[in-house]
């Protein structure tokens, strides 16, 4: 079967001084990205659609669900590693405003305070459960950069310290193959051609 992991579109910037969880919706650009990825994947067809419970992932899934008449099924096991963070600053904005912090984050500081072993186990268990439910099908999973990195690192057998090893772009498509024998492989990472043209 094919498992397609899609990173959510570009969200709004949210910084909550009261410490409440930032759960941003998509920005206007993010909604456009969601429409484009929805049109692209609707042409291929998918059998089921899953999403993280966070707004940015659910909202990115909606255009594809609407095009195919499918329900978006929520799975808490594919939520990002920091769902209760009080801020969400898109990395592009952070790079412009605070390059030192941006470099720290992309070099691994983004997961400070997170138990990567537990996170990796949760993501792998959740995606394997989805695979087991839909043998022979094609499933779209709308999630987050950390989740995509973690599943890819699991498939590649990378060590724990290399769990976050690449930068999935907003609304990128990442394809994995899951054989009935248990073998897992990567078909593609970071597809963005659907974002550079009208679909």
Foldseek 3Di string as FASTA:
>chain_A
DKEKEWEFFAFDWFAAPVQFFDQTARDPRRLVLLLLLLVVVLVVDFDAAEEEPGRRQVSSCVSNCVSVVHDYHYDNLQADQCRSGRTDDPLVVCCVVPVVVSVCCLQPVVQVPGPLVVNLVSLVVRVVVVCVVDPPTYYYYYHHLLSVLSVQCVLVVHDSSCSNPDGAHHRFMWMWDADPVGRIGTPDGRDDPSVVDPD
